[in-house]
Amino acid sequence: MPRLIFAGLIGGLIFGVVLVWQGAGAAGLVLLFTIIGLLVGLALWLGWRLYTGELDSEDIKALIGIIFSNRTR
């Protein structure tokens, strides 16, 4: 599934380059769309791993709970 992340990264990069080629902005837009493509690819990869059962959804919920809790160490 790393191909999904790579495909999202390349897709965002191409979209950003085409947008800049059309005169819409600067290199920052290319980086922005590359990052958006990377995040979409990552979300698809994570969704696929959850769907196929390679990841346990309870573990993901616990990880998110630890990251976003306001507890101190």
PDB file of N, CA and C in Angstrom:
ATOM      1  N   MET A   1       0.775  -1.202   0.000  1.00  0.00           N
ATOM      2  CA  MET A   1       0.000   0.000   0.000  1.00  0.00           C
ATOM      3  C   MET A   1       0.826   1.281   0.000  1.00  0.00           C
ATOM      4  N   PRO A   2       2.156   1.209   0.154  1.00  0.00           N
ATOM      5  CA  PRO A   2       2.919   2.452   0.010  1.00  0.00           C
ATOM      6  C   PRO A   2       2.752   3.067  -1.379  1.00  0.00           C
ATOM      7  N   ARG A   3       2.277   2.287  -2.342  1.00  0.00           N
ATOM      8  CA  ARG A   3       2.030   2.839  -3.674  1.00  0.00           C
ATOM      9  C   ARG A   3       0.944   3.900  -3.626  1.00  0.00           C
ATOM     10  N   LEU A   4      -0.053   3.743  -2.730  1.00  0.00           N
ATOM     11  CA  LEU A   4      -1.106   4.753  -2.607  1.00  0.00           C
ATOM     12  C   LEU A   4      -0.538   6.074  -2.101  1.00  0.00           C
ATOM     13  N   ILE A   5       0.367   5.991  -1.144  1.00  0.00           N
ATOM     14  CA  ILE A   5       0.993   7.213  -0.630  1.00  0.00           C
ATOM     15  C   ILE A   5       1.810   7.866  -1.737  1.00  0.00           C
ATOM     16  N   PHE A   6       2.574   7.065  -2.461  1.00  0.00           N
ATOM     17  CA  PHE A   6       3.397   7.585  -3.551  1.00  0.00           C
ATOM     18  C   PHE A   6       2.518   8.160  -4.657  1.00  0.00           C
ATOM     19  N   ALA A   7       1.403   7.481  -4.976  1.00  0.00           N
ATOM     20  CA  ALA A   7       0.500   7.976  -6.012  1.00  0.00           C
ATOM     21  C   ALA A   7      -0.119   9.300  -5.597  1.00  0.00           C
ATOM     22  N   GLY A   8      -0.508   9.429  -4.325  1.00  0.00           N
ATOM     23  CA  GLY A   8      -1.051  10.701  -3.853  1.00  0.00           C
ATOM     24  C   GLY A   8      -0.020  11.805  -3.905  1.00  0.00           C
ATOM     25  N   LEU A   9       1.216  11.477  -3.546  1.00  0.00           N
ATOM     26  CA  LEU A   9       2.297  12.455  -3.582  1.00  0.00           C
ATOM     27  C   LEU A   9       2.551  12.935  -5.011  1.00  0.00           C
ATOM     28  N   ILE A  10       2.648  12.005  -5.944  1.00  0.00           N
ATOM     29  CA  ILE A  10       2.889  12.364  -7.348  1.00  0.00           C
ATOM     30  C   ILE A  10       1.698  13.127  -7.927  1.00  0.00           C
ATOM     31  N   GLY A  11       0.476  12.680  -7.600  1.00  0.00           N
ATOM     32  CA  GLY A  11      -0.720  13.361  -8.099  1.00  0.00           C
ATOM     33  C   GLY A  11      -0.779  14.804  -7.632  1.00  0.00           C
ATOM     34  N   GLY A  12      -0.502  15.030  -6.357  1.00  0.00           N
ATOM     35  CA  GLY A  12      -0.498  16.395  -5.839  1.00  0.00           C
ATOM     36  C   GLY A  12       0.594  17.237  -6.461  1.00  0.00           C
ATOM     37  N   LEU A  13       1.754  16.646  -6.669  1.00  0.00           N
ATOM     38  CA  LEU A  13       2.865  17.366  -7.290  1.00  0.00           C
ATOM     39  C   LEU A  13       2.514  17.770  -8.724  1.00  0.00           C
ATOM     40  N   ILE A  14       1.953  16.837  -9.483  1.00  0.00           N
ATOM     41  CA  ILE A  14       1.579  17.144 -10.873  1.00  0.00           C
ATOM     42  C   ILE A  14       0.506  18.222 -10.914  1.00  0.00           C
ATOM     43  N   PHE A  15      -0.506  18.108 -10.044  1.00  0.00           N
ATOM     44  CA  PHE A  15      -1.566  19.102 -10.019  1.00  0.00           C
ATOM     45  C   PHE A  15      -0.994  20.485  -9.679  1.00  0.00           C
ATOM     46  N   GLY A  16      -0.085  20.542  -8.715  1.00  0.00           N
ATOM     47  CA  GLY A  16       0.526  21.807  -8.344  1.00  0.00           C
ATOM     48  C   GLY A  16       1.359  22.401  -9.468  1.00  0.00           C
ATOM     49  N   VAL A  17       2.111  21.559 -10.173  1.00  0.00           N
ATOM     50  CA  VAL A  17       2.932  22.047 -11.287  1.00  0.00           C
ATOM     51  C   VAL A  17       2.045  22.577 -12.405  1.00  0.00           C
ATOM     52  N   VAL A  18       0.963  21.866 -12.723  1.00  0.00           N
ATOM     53  CA  VAL A  18       0.054  22.324 -13.777  1.00  0.00           C
ATOM     54  C   VAL A  18      -0.593  23.648 -13.381  1.00  0.00           C
ATOM     55  N   LEU A  19      -0.982  23.781 -12.112  1.00  0.00           N
ATOM     56  CA  LEU A  19      -1.606  25.015 -11.653  1.00  0.00           C
ATOM     57  C   LEU A  19      -0.641  26.183 -11.765  1.00  0.00           C
ATOM     58  N   VAL A  20       0.605  25.989 -11.375  1.00  0.00           N
ATOM     59  CA  VAL A  20       1.598  27.052 -11.474  1.00  0.00           C
ATOM     60  C   VAL A  20       1.912  27.349 -12.940  1.00  0.00           C
ATOM     61  N   TRP A  21       1.936  26.311 -13.770  1.00  0.00           N
ATOM     62  CA  TRP A  21       2.203  26.499 -15.196  1.00  0.00           C
ATOM     63  C   TRP A  21       1.142  27.409 -15.813  1.00  0.00           C
ATOM     64  N   GLN A  22      -0.074  27.320 -15.332  1.00  0.00           N
ATOM     65  CA  GLN A  22      -1.159  28.147 -15.846  1.00  0.00           C
ATOM     66  C   GLN A  22      -1.094  29.576 -15.315  1.00  0.00           C
ATOM     67  N   GLY A  23      -0.118  29.862 -14.470  1.00  0.00           N
ATOM     68  CA  GLY A  23       0.091  31.216 -13.990  1.00  0.00           C
ATOM     69  C   GLY A  23      -0.654  31.535 -12.704  1.00  0.00           C
ATOM     70  N   ALA A  24      -1.002  30.532 -11.923  1.00  0.00           N
ATOM     71  CA  ALA A  24      -1.831  30.774 -10.746  1.00  0.00           C
ATOM     72  C   ALA A  24      -1.032  31.045  -9.478  1.00  0.00           C
ATOM     73  N   GLY A  25       0.249  30.896  -9.477  1.00  0.00           N
ATOM     74  CA  GLY A  25       0.937  31.137  -8.215  1.00  0.00           C
ATOM     75  C   GLY A  25       2.407  30.812  -8.259  1.00  0.00           C
ATOM     76  N   ALA A  26       2.917  30.433  -7.102  1.00  0.00           N
ATOM     77  CA  ALA A  26       4.348  30.225  -6.934  1.00  0.00           C
ATOM     78  C   ALA A  26       4.639  28.791  -6.524  1.00  0.00           C
ATOM     79  N   ALA A  27       5.885  28.556  -6.204  1.00  0.00           N
ATOM     80  CA  ALA A  27       6.314  27.214  -5.829  1.00  0.00           C
ATOM     81  C   ALA A  27       5.665  26.752  -4.533  1.00  0.00           C
ATOM     82  N   GLY A  28       5.215  27.670  -3.706  1.00  0.00           N
ATOM     83  CA  GLY A  28       4.516  27.303  -2.483  1.00  0.00           C
ATOM     84  C   GLY A  28       3.246  26.528  -2.754  1.00  0.00           C
ATOM     85  N   LEU A  29       2.561  26.868  -3.841  1.00  0.00           N
ATOM     86  CA  LEU A  29       1.367  26.115  -4.217  1.00  0.00           C
ATOM     87  C   LEU A  29       1.713  24.685  -4.602  1.00  0.00           C
ATOM     88  N   VAL A  30       2.830  24.508  -5.277  1.00  0.00           N
ATOM     89  CA  VAL A  30       3.247  23.155  -5.636  1.00  0.00           C
ATOM     90  C   VAL A  30       3.486  22.336  -4.380  1.00  0.00           C
ATOM     91  N   LEU A  31       4.177  22.921  -3.415  1.00  0.00           N
ATOM     92  CA  LEU A  31       4.419  22.212  -2.162  1.00  0.00           C
ATOM     93  C   LEU A  31       3.121  21.943  -1.416  1.00  0.00           C
ATOM     94  N   LEU A  32       2.209  22.902  -1.424  1.00  0.00           N
ATOM     95  CA  LEU A  32       0.922  22.725  -0.760  1.00  0.00           C
ATOM     96  C   LEU A  32       0.156  21.550  -1.359  1.00  0.00           C
ATOM     97  N   PHE A  33       0.050  21.508  -2.670  1.00  0.00           N
ATOM     98  CA  PHE A  33      -0.680  20.423  -3.306  1.00  0.00           C
ATOM     99  C   PHE A  33       0.042  19.095  -3.172  1.00  0.00           C
ATOM    100  N   THR A  34       1.361  19.119  -3.102  1.00  0.00           N
ATOM    101  CA  THR A  34       2.111  17.888  -2.862  1.00  0.00           C
ATOM    102  C   THR A  34       1.803  17.344  -1.477  1.00  0.00           C
ATOM    103  N   ILE A  35       1.753  18.217  -0.497  1.00  0.00           N
ATOM    104  CA  ILE A  35       1.441  17.781   0.865  1.00  0.00           C
ATOM    105  C   ILE A  35       0.002  17.279   0.946  1.00  0.00           C
ATOM    106  N   ILE A  36      -0.915  17.969   0.283  1.00  0.00           N
ATOM    107  CA  ILE A  36      -2.306  17.505   0.266  1.00  0.00           C
ATOM    108  C   ILE A  36      -2.398  16.136  -0.385  1.00  0.00           C
ATOM    109  N   GLY A  37      -1.691  15.941  -1.494  1.00  0.00           N
ATOM    110  CA  GLY A  37      -1.674  14.631  -2.154  1.00  0.00           C
ATOM    111  C   GLY A  37      -1.086  13.557  -1.256  1.00  0.00           C
ATOM    112  N   LEU A  38      -0.049  13.902  -0.519  1.00  0.00           N
ATOM    113  CA  LEU A  38       0.561  12.964   0.418  1.00  0.00           C
ATOM    114  C   LEU A  38      -0.427  12.571   1.508  1.00  0.00           C
ATOM    115  N   LEU A  39      -1.154  13.540   2.048  1.00  0.00           N
ATOM    116  CA  LEU A  39      -2.132  13.252   3.091  1.00  0.00           C
ATOM    117  C   LEU A  39      -3.288  12.398   2.576  1.00  0.00           C
ATOM    118  N   VAL A  40      -3.720  12.656   1.339  1.00  0.00           N
ATOM    119  CA  VAL A  40      -4.780  11.830   0.748  1.00  0.00           C
ATOM    120  C   VAL A  40      -4.285  10.403   0.561  1.00  0.00           C
ATOM    121  N   GLY A  41      -3.076  10.248   0.050  1.00  0.00           N
ATOM    122  CA  GLY A  41      -2.503   8.913  -0.113  1.00  0.00           C
ATOM    123  C   GLY A  41      -2.338   8.190   1.206  1.00  0.00           C
ATOM    124  N   LEU A  42      -1.906   8.909   2.229  1.00  0.00           N
ATOM    125  CA  LEU A  42      -1.753   8.327   3.559  1.00  0.00           C
ATOM    126  C   LEU A  42      -3.098   7.896   4.128  1.00  0.00           C
ATOM    127  N   ALA A  43      -4.129   8.724   3.936  1.00  0.00           N
ATOM    128  CA  ALA A  43      -5.462   8.374   4.421  1.00  0.00           C
ATOM    129  C   ALA A  43      -6.006   7.136   3.708  1.00  0.00           C
ATOM    130  N   LEU A  44      -5.783   7.044   2.404  1.00  0.00           N
ATOM    131  CA  LEU A  44      -6.224   5.862   1.664  1.00  0.00           C
ATOM    132  C   LEU A  44      -5.479   4.613   2.123  1.00  0.00           C
ATOM    133  N   TRP A  45      -4.179   4.758   2.351  1.00  0.00           N
ATOM    134  CA  TRP A  45      -3.375   3.627   2.822  1.00  0.00           C
ATOM    135  C   TRP A  45      -3.850   3.154   4.189  1.00  0.00           C
ATOM    136  N   LEU A  46      -4.079   4.109   5.098  1.00  0.00           N
ATOM    137  CA  LEU A  46      -4.543   3.759   6.438  1.00  0.00           C
ATOM    138  C   LEU A  46      -5.938   3.139   6.382  1.00  0.00           C
ATOM    139  N   GLY A  47      -6.814   3.713   5.562  1.00  0.00           N
ATOM    140  CA  GLY A  47      -8.157   3.146   5.398  1.00  0.00           C
ATOM    141  C   GLY A  47      -8.121   1.734   4.859  1.00  0.00           C
ATOM    142  N   TRP A  48      -7.254   1.479   3.903  1.00  0.00           N
ATOM    143  CA  TRP A  48      -7.132   0.138   3.329  1.00  0.00           C
ATOM    144  C   TRP A  48      -6.634  -0.857   4.379  1.00  0.00           C
ATOM    145  N   ARG A  49      -5.659  -0.452   5.170  1.00  0.00           N
ATOM    146  CA  ARG A  49      -5.128  -1.341   6.214  1.00  0.00           C
ATOM    147  C   ARG A  49      -6.169  -1.616   7.281  1.00  0.00           C
ATOM    148  N   LEU A  50      -7.002  -0.632   7.607  1.00  0.00           N
ATOM    149  CA  LEU A  50      -8.086  -0.860   8.547  1.00  0.00           C
ATOM    150  C   LEU A  50      -9.143  -1.785   7.948  1.00  0.00           C
ATOM    151  N   TYR A  51      -9.449  -1.600   6.667  1.00  0.00           N
ATOM    152  CA  TYR A  51     -10.455  -2.407   5.982  1.00  0.00           C
ATOM    153  C   TYR A  51     -10.038  -3.875   5.892  1.00  0.00           C
ATOM    154  N   THR A  52      -8.764  -4.118   5.599  1.00  0.00           N
ATOM    155  CA  THR A  52      -8.290  -5.497   5.453  1.00  0.00           C
ATOM    156  C   THR A  52      -7.973  -6.152   6.787  1.00  0.00           C
ATOM    157  N   GLY A  53      -8.014  -5.388   7.866  1.00  0.00           N
ATOM    158  CA  GLY A  53      -7.786  -5.957   9.187  1.00  0.00           C
ATOM    159  C   GLY A  53      -6.327  -6.026   9.599  1.00  0.00           C
ATOM    160  N   GLU A  54      -5.454  -5.368   8.871  1.00  0.00           N
ATOM    161  CA  GLU A  54      -4.037  -5.364   9.232  1.00  0.00           C
ATOM    162  C   GLU A  54      -3.776  -4.480  10.440  1.00  0.00           C
ATOM    163  N   LEU A  55      -4.660  -3.516  10.682  1.00  0.00           N
ATOM    164  CA  LEU A  55      -4.565  -2.646  11.847  1.00  0.00           C
ATOM    165  C   LEU A  55      -5.818  -2.824  12.698  1.00  0.00           C
ATOM    166  N   ASP A  56      -5.643  -2.743  13.998  1.00  0.00           N
ATOM    167  CA  ASP A  56      -6.767  -2.862  14.912  1.00  0.00           C
ATOM    168  C   ASP A  56      -7.310  -1.465  15.195  1.00  0.00           C
ATOM    169  N   SER A  57      -8.586  -1.266  14.956  1.00  0.00           N
ATOM    170  CA  SER A  57      -9.170   0.061  15.131  1.00  0.00           C
ATOM    171  C   SER A  57      -9.128   0.511  16.595  1.00  0.00           C
ATOM    172  N   GLU A  58      -9.193  -0.412  17.529  1.00  0.00           N
ATOM    173  CA  GLU A  58      -9.115  -0.029  18.943  1.00  0.00           C
ATOM    174  C   GLU A  58      -7.730   0.521  19.294  1.00  0.00           C
ATOM    175  N   ASP A  59      -6.703  -0.057  18.701  1.00  0.00           N
ATOM    176  CA  ASP A  59      -5.349   0.464  18.928  1.00  0.00           C
ATOM    177  C   ASP A  59      -5.194   1.872  18.351  1.00  0.00           C
ATOM    178  N   ILE A  60      -5.793   2.116  17.184  1.00  0.00           N
ATOM    179  CA  ILE A  60      -5.739   3.444  16.574  1.00  0.00           C
ATOM    180  C   ILE A  60      -6.469   4.455  17.465  1.00  0.00           C
ATOM    181  N   LYS A  61      -7.636   4.070  17.988  1.00  0.00           N
ATOM    182  CA  LYS A  61      -8.383   4.962  18.885  1.00  0.00           C
ATOM    183  C   LYS A  61      -7.577   5.263  20.148  1.00  0.00           C
ATOM    184  N   ALA A  62      -6.910   4.255  20.694  1.00  0.00           N
ATOM    185  CA  ALA A  62      -6.088   4.469  21.888  1.00  0.00           C
ATOM    186  C   ALA A  62      -4.919   5.403  21.578  1.00  0.00           C
ATOM    187  N   LEU A  63      -4.291   5.241  20.425  1.00  0.00           N
ATOM    188  CA  LEU A  63      -3.186   6.107  20.025  1.00  0.00           C
ATOM    189  C   LEU A  63      -3.644   7.548  19.875  1.00  0.00           C
ATOM    190  N   ILE A  64      -4.785   7.753  19.228  1.00  0.00           N
ATOM    191  CA  ILE A  64      -5.326   9.102  19.057  1.00  0.00           C
ATOM    192  C   ILE A  64      -5.681   9.702  20.415  1.00  0.00           C
ATOM    193  N   GLY A  65      -6.230   8.885  21.305  1.00  0.00           N
ATOM    194  CA  GLY A  65      -6.542   9.354  22.639  1.00  0.00           C
ATOM    195  C   GLY A  65      -5.302   9.794  23.410  1.00  0.00           C
ATOM    196  N   ILE A  66      -4.214   9.069  23.246  1.00  0.00           N
ATOM    197  CA  ILE A  66      -2.967   9.438  23.915  1.00  0.00           C
ATOM    198  C   ILE A  66      -2.393  10.725  23.335  1.00  0.00           C
ATOM    199  N   ILE A  67      -2.453  10.861  22.012  1.00  0.00           N
ATOM    200  CA  ILE A  67      -1.872  12.031  21.352  1.00  0.00           C
ATOM    201  C   ILE A  67      -2.631  13.299  21.730  1.00  0.00           C
ATOM    202  N   PHE A  68      -3.955  13.222  21.745  1.00  0.00           N
ATOM    203  CA  PHE A  68      -4.758  14.423  21.949  1.00  0.00           C
ATOM    204  C   PHE A  68      -5.242  14.619  23.374  1.00  0.00           C
ATOM    205  N   SER A  69      -4.781  13.818  24.310  1.00  0.00           N
ATOM    206  CA  SER A  69      -5.183  14.032  25.704  1.00  0.00           C
ATOM    207  C   SER A  69      -4.369  15.171  26.305  1.00  0.00           C
ATOM    208  N   ASN A  70      -4.912  15.788  27.311  1.00  0.00           N
ATOM    209  CA  ASN A  70      -4.238  16.926  27.949  1.00  0.00           C
ATOM    210  C   ASN A  70      -3.473  16.492  29.190  1.00  0.00           C
ATOM    211  N   ARG A  71      -3.211  15.228  29.302  1.00  0.00           N
ATOM    212  CA  ARG A  71      -2.489  14.751  30.473  1.00  0.00           C
ATOM    213  C   ARG A  71      -1.014  15.110  30.354  1.00  0.00           C
ATOM    214  N   THR A  72      -0.418  15.387  31.497  1.00  0.00           N
ATOM    215  CA  THR A  72       1.023  15.612  31.516  1.00  0.00           C
ATOM    216  C   THR A  72       1.724  14.285  31.810  1.00  0.00           C
ATOM    217  N   ARG A  73       3.002  14.250  31.544  1.00  0.00           N
ATOM    218  CA  ARG A  73       3.736  12.987  31.729  1.00  0.00           C
ATOM    219  C   ARG A  73       3.953  12.677  33.147  1.00  0.00           C
TER     220      ARG A  73
END
